[in-house]
PDB file of all heavy atoms in Angstrom:
ATOM      1  N   PHE A   1      86.587 109.551 118.129  1.00  0.00           N
ATOM      2  CA  PHE A   1      87.969 109.822 117.738  1.00  0.00           C
ATOM      3  C   PHE A   1      88.248 109.219 116.405  1.00  0.00           C
ATOM      4  O   PHE A   1      87.431 108.345 115.824  1.00  0.00           O
ATOM      5  CB  PHE A   1      88.909 109.001 118.726  1.00  0.00           C
ATOM      6  CG  PHE A   1      88.828 107.504 118.691  1.00  0.00           C
ATOM      7  CD1 PHE A   1      89.749 106.782 118.034  1.00  0.00           C
ATOM      8  CD2 PHE A   1      87.795 106.890 119.506  1.00  0.00           C
ATOM      9  CE1 PHE A   1      89.757 105.354 118.044  1.00  0.00           C
ATOM     10  CE2 PHE A   1      87.829 105.506 119.608  1.00  0.00           C
ATOM     11  CZ  PHE A   1      88.750 104.764 118.867  1.00  0.00           C
ATOM     12  N   GLY A   2      89.312 109.643 115.778  1.00  0.00           N
ATOM     13  CA  GLY A   2      89.795 109.189 114.438  1.00  0.00           C
ATOM     14  C   GLY A   2      91.298 109.051 114.436  1.00  0.00           C
ATOM     15  O   GLY A   2      92.084 109.853 115.007  1.00  0.00           O
ATOM     16  N   MET A   3      91.709 107.984 113.779  1.00  0.00           N
ATOM     17  CA  MET A   3      93.052 107.539 113.783  1.00  0.00           C
ATOM     18  C   MET A   3      93.742 107.667 112.414  1.00  0.00           C
ATOM     19  O   MET A   3      93.184 107.096 111.492  1.00  0.00           O
ATOM     20  CB  MET A   3      93.186 106.137 114.303  1.00  0.00           C
ATOM     21  CG  MET A   3      92.748 105.895 115.745  1.00  0.00           C
ATOM     22  SD  MET A   3      93.570 106.908 117.022  1.00  0.00           S
ATOM     23  CE  MET A   3      95.242 106.309 116.802  1.00  0.00           C
ATOM     24  N   PHE A   4      94.879 108.337 112.351  1.00  0.00           N
ATOM     25  CA  PHE A   4      95.677 108.440 111.118  1.00  0.00           C
ATOM     26  C   PHE A   4      94.958 108.828 109.968  1.00  0.00           C
ATOM     27  O   PHE A   4      94.981 108.195 108.959  1.00  0.00           O
ATOM     28  CB  PHE A   4      96.426 107.092 110.950  1.00  0.00           C
ATOM     29  CG  PHE A   4      97.405 106.760 111.998  1.00  0.00           C
ATOM     30  CD1 PHE A   4      97.114 105.969 113.099  1.00  0.00           C
ATOM     31  CD2 PHE A   4      98.718 107.303 111.950  1.00  0.00           C
ATOM     32  CE1 PHE A   4      98.072 105.702 114.013  1.00  0.00           C
ATOM     33  CE2 PHE A   4      99.648 106.979 112.954  1.00  0.00           C
ATOM     34  CZ  PHE A   4      99.221 106.175 114.010  1.00  0.00           C
ATOM     35  N   TRP A   5      94.182 109.937 110.152  1.00  0.00           N
ATOM     36  CA  TRP A   5      93.483 110.479 108.952  1.00  0.00           C
ATOM     37  C   TRP A   5      94.473 111.179 108.014  1.00  0.00           C
ATOM     38  O   TRP A   5      95.478 111.716 108.481  1.00  0.00           O
ATOM     39  CB  TRP A   5      92.434 111.506 109.413  1.00  0.00           C
ATOM     40  CG  TRP A   5      91.126 110.886 109.956  1.00  0.00           C
ATOM     41  CD1 TRP A   5      91.055 109.571 110.454  1.00  0.00           C
ATOM     42  CD2 TRP A   5      89.843 111.503 110.057  1.00  0.00           C
ATOM     43  NE1 TRP A   5      89.766 109.420 110.854  1.00  0.00           N
ATOM     44  CE2 TRP A   5      88.971 110.515 110.680  1.00  0.00           C
ATOM     45  CE3 TRP A   5      89.390 112.747 109.896  1.00  0.00           C
ATOM     46  CZ2 TRP A   5      87.722 110.837 110.973  1.00  0.00           C
ATOM     47  CZ3 TRP A   5      88.007 113.071 110.104  1.00  0.00           C
ATOM     48  CH2 TRP A   5      87.243 112.124 110.634  1.00  0.00           C
ATOM     49  N   ARG A   6      94.170 111.125 106.650  1.00  0.00           N
ATOM     50  CA  ARG A   6      95.118 111.714 105.704  1.00  0.00           C
ATOM     51  C   ARG A   6      94.936 113.233 105.538  1.00  0.00           C
ATOM     52  O   ARG A   6      93.864 113.649 105.331  1.00  0.00           O
ATOM     53  CB  ARG A   6      94.892 111.098 104.374  1.00  0.00           C
ATOM     54  CG  ARG A   6      95.395 109.535 104.276  1.00  0.00           C
ATOM     55  CD  ARG A   6      94.830 108.894 103.025  1.00  0.00           C
ATOM     56  NE  ARG A   6      95.123 109.646 101.802  1.00  0.00           N
ATOM     57  CZ  ARG A   6      96.234 109.557 101.136  1.00  0.00           C
ATOM     58  NH1 ARG A   6      97.222 108.710 101.543  1.00  0.00           N
ATOM     59  NH2 ARG A   6      96.453 110.265 100.101  1.00  0.00           N
ATOM     60  N   ARG A   7      96.040 113.964 105.696  1.00  0.00           N
ATOM     61  CA  ARG A   7      96.036 115.319 105.466  1.00  0.00           C
ATOM     62  C   ARG A   7      95.602 115.716 104.049  1.00  0.00           C
ATOM     63  O   ARG A   7      94.808 116.631 103.838  1.00  0.00           O
ATOM     64  CB  ARG A   7      97.492 115.969 105.738  1.00  0.00           C
ATOM     65  CG  ARG A   7      97.649 117.349 105.340  1.00  0.00           C
ATOM     66  CD  ARG A   7      99.007 117.861 105.730  1.00  0.00           C
ATOM     67  NE  ARG A   7      99.310 119.134 105.199  1.00  0.00           N
ATOM     68  CZ  ARG A   7     100.414 119.926 105.425  1.00  0.00           C
ATOM     69  NH1 ARG A   7     101.336 119.295 106.219  1.00  0.00           N
ATOM     70  NH2 ARG A   7     100.661 121.071 104.961  1.00  0.00           N
ATOM     71  N   ALA A   8      95.984 114.869 103.120  1.00  0.00           N
ATOM     72  CA  ALA A   8      95.598 115.140 101.605  1.00  0.00           C
ATOM     73  C   ALA A   8      94.146 114.997 101.390  1.00  0.00           C
ATOM     74  O   ALA A   8      93.679 115.505 100.261  1.00  0.00           O
ATOM     75  CB  ALA A   8      96.468 114.189 100.761  1.00  0.00           C
ATOM     76  N   ASP A   9      93.420 114.391 102.215  1.00  0.00           N
ATOM     77  CA  ASP A   9      92.033 114.229 102.002  1.00  0.00           C
ATOM     78  C   ASP A   9      91.091 115.298 102.617  1.00  0.00           C
ATOM     79  O   ASP A   9      89.875 115.209 102.592  1.00  0.00           O
ATOM     80  CB  ASP A   9      91.495 112.830 102.517  1.00  0.00           C
ATOM     81  CG  ASP A   9      91.926 111.627 101.727  1.00  0.00           C
ATOM     82  OD1 ASP A   9      92.309 111.850 100.468  1.00  0.00           O
ATOM     83  OD2 ASP A   9      91.964 110.510 102.150  1.00  0.00           O
ATOM     84  N   VAL A  10      91.666 116.371 103.066  1.00  0.00           N
ATOM     85  CA  VAL A  10      90.955 117.453 103.633  1.00  0.00           C
ATOM     86  C   VAL A  10      91.191 118.783 102.665  1.00  0.00           C
ATOM     87  O   VAL A  10      92.243 118.962 102.234  1.00  0.00           O
ATOM     88  CB  VAL A  10      91.518 117.827 105.044  1.00  0.00           C
ATOM     89  CG1 VAL A  10      90.799 119.073 105.557  1.00  0.00           C
ATOM     90  CG2 VAL A  10      91.370 116.642 105.977  1.00  0.00           C
ATOM     91  N   ASN A  11      90.055 119.455 102.451  1.00  0.00           N
ATOM     92  CA  ASN A  11      90.192 120.643 101.678  1.00  0.00           C
ATOM     93  C   ASN A  11      90.631 121.829 102.552  1.00  0.00           C
ATOM     94  O   ASN A  11      89.696 122.556 103.103  1.00  0.00           O
ATOM     95  CB  ASN A  11      88.832 120.910 100.907  1.00  0.00           C
ATOM     96  CG  ASN A  11      88.884 122.122 100.120  1.00  0.00           C
ATOM     97  OD1 ASN A  11      89.895 122.676  99.636  1.00  0.00           O
ATOM     98  ND2 ASN A  11      87.699 122.571  99.613  1.00  0.00           N
ATOM     99  N   TRP A  12      91.897 122.111 102.627  1.00  0.00           N
ATOM    100  CA  TRP A  12      92.388 123.123 103.564  1.00  0.00           C
ATOM    101  C   TRP A  12      92.142 124.556 102.897  1.00  0.00           C
ATOM    102  O   TRP A  12      92.369 125.541 103.624  1.00  0.00           O
ATOM    103  CB  TRP A  12      93.879 122.827 103.705  1.00  0.00           C
ATOM    104  CG  TRP A  12      94.134 121.568 104.425  1.00  0.00           C
ATOM    105  CD1 TRP A  12      94.770 120.464 103.720  1.00  0.00           C
ATOM    106  CD2 TRP A  12      93.910 121.114 105.770  1.00  0.00           C
ATOM    107  NE1 TRP A  12      94.799 119.407 104.662  1.00  0.00           N
ATOM    108  CE2 TRP A  12      94.338 119.739 105.898  1.00  0.00           C
ATOM    109  CE3 TRP A  12      93.399 121.862 106.810  1.00  0.00           C
ATOM    110  CZ2 TRP A  12      94.225 119.120 107.056  1.00  0.00           C
ATOM    111  CZ3 TRP A  12      93.221 121.091 108.067  1.00  0.00           C
ATOM    112  CH2 TRP A  12      93.666 119.759 108.162  1.00  0.00           C
ATOM    113  N   GLU A  13      91.758 124.585 101.659  1.00  0.00           N
ATOM    114  CA  GLU A  13      91.485 125.873 101.047  1.00  0.00           C
ATOM    115  C   GLU A  13      90.426 126.599 101.804  1.00  0.00           C
ATOM    116  O   GLU A  13      90.254 127.817 101.646  1.00  0.00           O
ATOM    117  CB  GLU A  13      91.175 125.874  99.573  1.00  0.00           C
ATOM    118  CG  GLU A  13      92.467 125.284  98.737  1.00  0.00           C
ATOM    119  CD  GLU A  13      92.153 125.111  97.299  1.00  0.00           C
ATOM    120  OE1 GLU A  13      91.032 125.449  96.926  1.00  0.00           O
ATOM    121  OE2 GLU A  13      93.006 124.841  96.457  1.00  0.00           O
ATOM    122  N   LEU A  14      89.510 125.800 102.495  1.00  0.00           N
ATOM    123  CA  LEU A  14      88.454 126.406 103.222  1.00  0.00           C
ATOM    124  C   LEU A  14      88.835 127.210 104.463  1.00  0.00           C
ATOM    125  O   LEU A  14      88.141 127.916 105.143  1.00  0.00           O
ATOM    126  CB  LEU A  14      87.424 125.319 103.647  1.00  0.00           C
ATOM    127  CG  LEU A  14      86.692 124.581 102.487  1.00  0.00           C
ATOM    128  CD1 LEU A  14      85.918 123.533 103.058  1.00  0.00           C
ATOM    129  CD2 LEU A  14      85.854 125.524 101.702  1.00  0.00           C
ATOM    130  N   LYS A  15      90.081 127.053 104.837  1.00  0.00           N
ATOM    131  CA  LYS A  15      90.753 127.752 106.013  1.00  0.00           C
ATOM    132  C   LYS A  15      89.928 127.578 107.357  1.00  0.00           C
ATOM    133  O   LYS A  15      89.643 126.496 107.766  1.00  0.00           O
ATOM    134  CB  LYS A  15      90.920 129.207 105.645  1.00  0.00           C
ATOM    135  CG  LYS A  15      91.876 129.419 104.470  1.00  0.00           C
ATOM    136  CD  LYS A  15      92.146 130.837 104.231  1.00  0.00           C
ATOM    137  CE  LYS A  15      93.157 131.021 103.008  1.00  0.00           C
ATOM    138  NZ  LYS A  15      93.398 132.379 102.641  1.00  0.00           N
ATOM    139  N   GLN A  16      89.347 128.703 107.833  1.00  0.00           N
ATOM    140  CA  GLN A  16      88.613 128.576 109.118  1.00  0.00           C
ATOM    141  C   GLN A  16      87.285 127.852 108.996  1.00  0.00           C
ATOM    142  O   GLN A  16      86.744 127.478 109.955  1.00  0.00           O
ATOM    143  CB  GLN A  16      88.365 130.040 109.771  1.00  0.00           C
ATOM    144  CG  GLN A  16      87.426 130.834 108.871  1.00  0.00           C
ATOM    145  CD  GLN A  16      88.124 131.787 107.879  1.00  0.00           C
ATOM    146  OE1 GLN A  16      89.213 131.469 107.460  1.00  0.00           O
ATOM    147  NE2 GLN A  16      87.515 132.865 107.605  1.00  0.00           N
ATOM    148  N   ASN A  17      86.841 127.498 107.699  1.00  0.00           N
ATOM    149  CA  ASN A  17      85.667 126.787 107.557  1.00  0.00           C
ATOM    150  C   ASN A  17      85.933 125.350 107.003  1.00  0.00           C
ATOM    151  O   ASN A  17      85.028 124.637 106.553  1.00  0.00           O
ATOM    152  CB  ASN A  17      84.810 127.501 106.445  1.00  0.00           C
ATOM    153  CG  ASN A  17      84.319 128.928 106.958  1.00  0.00           C
ATOM    154  OD1 ASN A  17      83.885 128.977 108.016  1.00  0.00           O
ATOM    155  ND2 ASN A  17      84.363 129.838 105.946  1.00  0.00           N
ATOM    156  N   VAL A  18      87.128 124.953 107.317  1.00  0.00           N
ATOM    157  CA  VAL A  18      87.626 123.573 106.921  1.00  0.00           C
ATOM    158  C   VAL A  18      86.624 122.470 107.564  1.00  0.00           C
ATOM    159  O   VAL A  18      86.112 122.764 108.644  1.00  0.00           O
ATOM    160  CB  VAL A  18      89.030 123.346 107.233  1.00  0.00           C
ATOM    161  CG1 VAL A  18      89.188 123.309 108.803  1.00  0.00           C
ATOM    162  CG2 VAL A  18      89.521 122.087 106.631  1.00  0.00           C
ATOM    163  N   LYS A  19      86.394 121.439 106.789  1.00  0.00           N
ATOM    164  CA  LYS A  19      85.586 120.402 107.277  1.00  0.00           C
ATOM    165  C   LYS A  19      86.448 119.112 107.442  1.00  0.00           C
ATOM    166  O   LYS A  19      87.278 118.767 106.630  1.00  0.00           O
ATOM    167  CB  LYS A  19      84.409 120.057 106.317  1.00  0.00           C
ATOM    168  CG  LYS A  19      83.497 121.185 106.168  1.00  0.00           C
ATOM    169  CD  LYS A  19      82.332 120.803 105.181  1.00  0.00           C
ATOM    170  CE  LYS A  19      81.406 122.063 105.058  1.00  0.00           C
ATOM    171  NZ  LYS A  19      80.223 121.651 104.205  1.00  0.00           N
ATOM    172  N   LEU A  20      86.292 118.417 108.622  1.00  0.00           N
ATOM    173  CA  LEU A  20      86.850 117.070 108.911  1.00  0.00           C
ATOM    174  C   LEU A  20      85.748 116.152 108.853  1.00  0.00           C
ATOM    175  O   LEU A  20      85.155 115.862 109.880  1.00  0.00           O
ATOM    176  CB  LEU A  20      87.580 117.225 110.246  1.00  0.00           C
ATOM    177  CG  LEU A  20      88.659 118.275 110.516  1.00  0.00           C
ATOM    178  CD1 LEU A  20      89.187 118.248 111.935  1.00  0.00           C
ATOM    179  CD2 LEU A  20      89.691 118.264 109.399  1.00  0.00           C
ATOM    180  N   LEU A  21      85.629 115.451 107.732  1.00  0.00           N
ATOM    181  CA  LEU A  21      84.484 114.630 107.510  1.00  0.00           C
ATOM    182  C   LEU A  21      84.802 113.127 107.883  1.00  0.00           C
ATOM    183  O   LEU A  21      85.898 112.562 107.499  1.00  0.00           O
ATOM    184  CB  LEU A  21      83.958 114.641 106.081  1.00  0.00           C
ATOM    185  CG  LEU A  21      83.602 116.033 105.556  1.00  0.00           C
ATOM    186  CD1 LEU A  21      83.254 115.964 104.089  1.00  0.00           C
ATOM    187  CD2 LEU A  21      82.375 116.598 106.421  1.00  0.00           C
ATOM    188  N   GLY A  22      83.947 112.602 108.673  1.00  0.00           N
ATOM    189  CA  GLY A  22      84.077 111.214 109.067  1.00  0.00           C
ATOM    190  C   GLY A  22      82.736 110.430 108.974  1.00  0.00           C
ATOM    191  O   GLY A  22      81.676 110.926 108.951  1.00  0.00           O
ATOM    192  N   VAL A  23      82.857 109.027 108.909  1.00  0.00           N
ATOM    193  CA  VAL A  23      81.691 108.170 108.818  1.00  0.00           C
ATOM    194  C   VAL A  23      81.848 107.142 109.841  1.00  0.00           C
ATOM    195  O   VAL A  23      82.971 106.661 110.145  1.00  0.00           O
ATOM    196  CB  VAL A  23      81.443 107.588 107.434  1.00  0.00           C
ATOM    197  CG1 VAL A  23      81.205 108.616 106.453  1.00  0.00           C
ATOM    198  CG2 VAL A  23      82.679 106.798 107.074  1.00  0.00           C
ATOM    199  N   HIS A  24      80.802 106.757 110.561  1.00  0.00           N
ATOM    200  CA  HIS A  24      80.800 105.610 111.470  1.00  0.00           C
ATOM    201  C   HIS A  24      80.873 104.253 110.702  1.00  0.00           C
ATOM    202  O   HIS A  24      80.009 104.167 109.776  1.00  0.00           O
ATOM    203  CB  HIS A  24      79.669 105.586 112.508  1.00  0.00           C
ATOM    204  CG  HIS A  24      79.857 104.782 113.690  1.00  0.00           C
ATOM    205  ND1 HIS A  24      79.698 103.401 113.642  1.00  0.00           N
ATOM    206  CD2 HIS A  24      80.316 105.021 114.821  1.00  0.00           C
ATOM    207  CE1 HIS A  24      79.909 102.871 114.802  1.00  0.00           C
ATOM    208  NE2 HIS A  24      80.389 103.881 115.591  1.00  0.00           N
ATOM    209  N   PRO A  25      81.749 103.366 110.880  1.00  0.00           N
ATOM    210  CA  PRO A  25      81.874 102.181 110.229  1.00  0.00           C
ATOM    211  C   PRO A  25      80.579 101.242 110.179  1.00  0.00           C
ATOM    212  O   PRO A  25      80.430 100.544 109.243  1.00  0.00           O
ATOM    213  CB  PRO A  25      83.062 101.452 110.802  1.00  0.00           C
ATOM    214  CG  PRO A  25      83.131 101.955 112.163  1.00  0.00           C
ATOM    215  CD  PRO A  25      82.769 103.377 112.071  1.00  0.00           C
ATOM    216  N   THR A  26      79.765 101.420 111.082  1.00  0.00           N
ATOM    217  CA  THR A  26      78.457 100.627 111.159  1.00  0.00           C
ATOM    218  C   THR A  26      77.208 101.390 110.601  1.00  0.00           C
ATOM    219  O   THR A  26      76.244 100.859 110.618  1.00  0.00           O
ATOM    220  CB  THR A  26      78.106 100.178 112.628  1.00  0.00           C
ATOM    221  OG1 THR A  26      77.982 101.290 113.470  1.00  0.00           O
ATOM    222  CG2 THR A  26      79.324  99.311 113.184  1.00  0.00           C
ATOM    223  N   ASP A  27      77.422 102.591 110.204  1.00  0.00           N
ATOM    224  CA  ASP A  27      76.268 103.365 109.678  1.00  0.00           C
ATOM    225  C   ASP A  27      76.151 102.973 108.196  1.00  0.00           C
ATOM    226  O   ASP A  27      76.887 103.371 107.377  1.00  0.00           O
ATOM    227  CB  ASP A  27      76.727 104.859 109.772  1.00  0.00           C
ATOM    228  CG  ASP A  27      75.493 105.743 109.289  1.00  0.00           C
ATOM    229  OD1 ASP A  27      74.405 105.261 108.989  1.00  0.00           O
ATOM    230  OD2 ASP A  27      75.730 107.044 109.128  1.00  0.00           O
ATOM    231  N   LYS A  28      74.982 102.336 107.915  1.00  0.00           N
ATOM    232  CA  LYS A  28      74.667 101.965 106.639  1.00  0.00           C
ATOM    233  C   LYS A  28      74.343 103.063 105.690  1.00  0.00           C
ATOM    234  O   LYS A  28      74.525 102.967 104.531  1.00  0.00           O
ATOM    235  CB  LYS A  28      73.443 100.948 106.648  1.00  0.00           C
ATOM    236  CG  LYS A  28      73.742  99.659 107.369  1.00  0.00           C
ATOM    237  CD  LYS A  28      72.602  98.731 107.433  1.00  0.00           C
ATOM    238  CE  LYS A  28      72.846  97.453 108.127  1.00  0.00           C
ATOM    239  NZ  LYS A  28      71.663  96.529 108.165  1.00  0.00           N
ATOM    240  N   THR A  29      73.985 104.182 106.216  1.00  0.00           N
ATOM    241  CA  THR A  29      73.693 105.355 105.386  1.00  0.00           C
ATOM    242  C   THR A  29      74.965 106.096 105.004  1.00  0.00           C
ATOM    243  O   THR A  29      74.884 107.023 104.128  1.00  0.00           O
ATOM    244  CB  THR A  29      72.688 106.326 106.077  1.00  0.00           C
ATOM    245  OG1 THR A  29      73.314 106.860 107.231  1.00  0.00           O
ATOM    246  CG2 THR A  29      71.458 105.563 106.569  1.00  0.00           C
ATOM    247  N   GLN A  30      76.065 105.827 105.592  1.00  0.00           N
ATOM    248  CA  GLN A  30      77.338 106.460 105.414  1.00  0.00           C
ATOM    249  C   GLN A  30      77.133 108.014 105.537  1.00  0.00           C
ATOM    250  O   GLN A  30      77.693 108.695 104.744  1.00  0.00           O
ATOM    251  CB  GLN A  30      77.908 106.154 104.009  1.00  0.00           C
ATOM    252  CG  GLN A  30      78.236 104.684 103.942  1.00  0.00           C
ATOM    253  CD  GLN A  30      79.538 104.385 104.802  1.00  0.00           C
ATOM    254  OE1 GLN A  30      80.557 104.745 104.463  1.00  0.00           O
ATOM    255  NE2 GLN A  30      79.273 103.589 105.840  1.00  0.00           N
ATOM    256  N   GLN A  31      76.473 108.463 106.567  1.00  0.00           N
ATOM    257  CA  GLN A  31      76.278 109.846 106.741  1.00  0.00           C
ATOM    258  C   GLN A  31      77.635 110.489 107.216  1.00  0.00           C
ATOM    259  O   GLN A  31      78.329 109.966 108.106  1.00  0.00           O
ATOM    260  CB  GLN A  31      75.232 110.017 107.957  1.00  0.00           C
ATOM    261  CG  GLN A  31      75.070 111.524 108.317  1.00  0.00           C
ATOM    262  CD  GLN A  31      74.186 111.610 109.543  1.00  0.00           C
ATOM    263  OE1 GLN A  31      74.036 110.742 110.407  1.00  0.00           O
ATOM    264  NE2 GLN A  31      73.597 112.878 109.692  1.00  0.00           N
ATOM    265  N   HIS A  32      77.928 111.608 106.583  1.00  0.00           N
ATOM    266  CA  HIS A  32      79.150 112.229 106.855  1.00  0.00           C
ATOM    267  C   HIS A  32      79.011 113.247 108.065  1.00  0.00           C
ATOM    268  O   HIS A  32      78.026 114.093 108.120  1.00  0.00           O
ATOM    269  CB  HIS A  32      79.605 113.129 105.614  1.00  0.00           C
ATOM    270  CG  HIS A  32      80.225 112.339 104.559  1.00  0.00           C
ATOM    271  ND1 HIS A  32      80.783 112.850 103.409  1.00  0.00           N
ATOM    272  CD2 HIS A  32      80.168 110.975 104.314  1.00  0.00           C
ATOM    273  CE1 HIS A  32      81.087 111.880 102.610  1.00  0.00           C
ATOM    274  NE2 HIS A  32      80.834 110.770 103.045  1.00  0.00           N
ATOM    275  N   ILE A  33      79.845 113.058 109.042  1.00  0.00           N
ATOM    276  CA  ILE A  33      79.807 113.930 110.207  1.00  0.00           C
ATOM    277  C   ILE A  33      80.982 114.840 110.273  1.00  0.00           C
ATOM    278  O   ILE A  33      82.167 114.376 110.055  1.00  0.00           O
ATOM    279  CB  ILE A  33      79.966 112.990 111.466  1.00  0.00           C
ATOM    280  CG1 ILE A  33      78.869 111.910 111.483  1.00  0.00           C
ATOM    281  CG2 ILE A  33      79.689 113.871 112.871  1.00  0.00           C
ATOM    282  CD1 ILE A  33      77.455 112.335 111.511  1.00  0.00           C
ATOM    283  N   ASP A  34      80.810 116.080 110.375  1.00  0.00           N
ATOM    284  CA  ASP A  34      81.887 116.987 110.358  1.00  0.00           C
ATOM    285  C   ASP A  34      82.417 117.206 111.794  1.00  0.00           C
ATOM    286  O   ASP A  34      81.764 117.684 112.676  1.00  0.00           O
ATOM    287  CB  ASP A  34      81.286 118.428 109.842  1.00  0.00           C
ATOM    288  CG  ASP A  34      82.426 119.517 109.689  1.00  0.00           C
ATOM    289  OD1 ASP A  34      83.536 119.037 109.862  1.00  0.00           O
ATOM    290  OD2 ASP A  34      82.049 120.610 109.384  1.00  0.00           O
ATOM    291  N   MET A  35      83.648 116.858 111.904  1.00  0.00           N
ATOM    292  CA  MET A  35      84.260 116.834 113.323  1.00  0.00           C
ATOM    293  C   MET A  35      85.161 118.136 113.447  1.00  0.00           C
ATOM    294  O   MET A  35      85.902 118.275 114.460  1.00  0.00           O
ATOM    295  CB  MET A  35      85.184 115.729 113.391  1.00  0.00           C
ATOM    296  CG  MET A  35      84.504 114.297 113.316  1.00  0.00           C
ATOM    297  SD  MET A  35      83.336 114.057 114.639  1.00  0.00           S
ATOM    298  CE  MET A  35      82.717 112.525 114.283  1.00  0.00           C
ATOM    299  N   ALA A  36      84.964 119.061 112.516  1.00  0.00           N
ATOM    300  CA  ALA A  36      85.862 120.377 112.736  1.00  0.00           C
ATOM    301  C   ALA A  36      85.537 121.108 114.012  1.00  0.00           C
ATOM    302  O   ALA A  36      86.439 121.861 114.528  1.00  0.00           O
ATOM    303  CB  ALA A  36      85.561 121.274 111.466  1.00  0.00           C
ATOM    304  N   GLY A  37      84.366 120.908 114.585  1.00  0.00           N
ATOM    305  CA  GLY A  37      83.995 121.661 115.815  1.00  0.00           C
ATOM    306  C   GLY A  37      84.304 120.905 117.095  1.00  0.00           C
ATOM    307  O   GLY A  37      83.810 121.276 118.118  1.00  0.00           O
ATOM    308  N   GLN A  38      85.178 119.904 116.971  1.00  0.00           N
ATOM    309  CA  GLN A  38      85.488 119.047 118.125  1.00  0.00           C
ATOM    310  C   GLN A  38      86.385 119.765 119.054  1.00  0.00           C
ATOM    311  O   GLN A  38      87.099 120.757 118.680  1.00  0.00           O
ATOM    312  CB  GLN A  38      86.190 117.734 117.764  1.00  0.00           C
ATOM    313  CG  GLN A  38      85.145 116.612 117.516  1.00  0.00           C
ATOM    314  CD  GLN A  38      84.448 116.035 118.742  1.00  0.00           C
ATOM    315  OE1 GLN A  38      84.667 116.564 119.801  1.00  0.00           O
ATOM    316  NE2 GLN A  38      83.745 114.971 118.519  1.00  0.00           N
ATOM    317  N   THR A  39      86.345 119.425 120.432  1.00  0.00           N
ATOM    318  CA  THR A  39      87.348 119.817 121.385  1.00  0.00           C
ATOM    319  C   THR A  39      88.097 118.519 121.829  1.00  0.00           C
ATOM    320  O   THR A  39      87.468 117.447 121.742  1.00  0.00           O
ATOM    321  CB  THR A  39      86.719 120.505 122.549  1.00  0.00           C
ATOM    322  OG1 THR A  39      85.710 119.505 123.138  1.00  0.00           O
ATOM    323  CG2 THR A  39      85.860 121.787 122.115  1.00  0.00           C
ATOM    324  N   GLY A  40      89.268 118.689 122.372  1.00  0.00           N
ATOM    325  CA  GLY A  40      90.069 117.502 122.839  1.00  0.00           C
ATOM    326  C   GLY A  40      91.535 117.622 122.490  1.00  0.00           C
ATOM    327  O   GLY A  40      92.067 118.728 122.636  1.00  0.00           O
TER     328      GLY A  40
END
């Protein structure tokens, strides 16, 4: 889950291909995970 993400930090110009990028706070590699395909 993600709490209070900023709308302004998403590139909505991608439309149906928009990406919702998140990082796990304990991941030292800071790997970006795209959550756009989530259900819930």
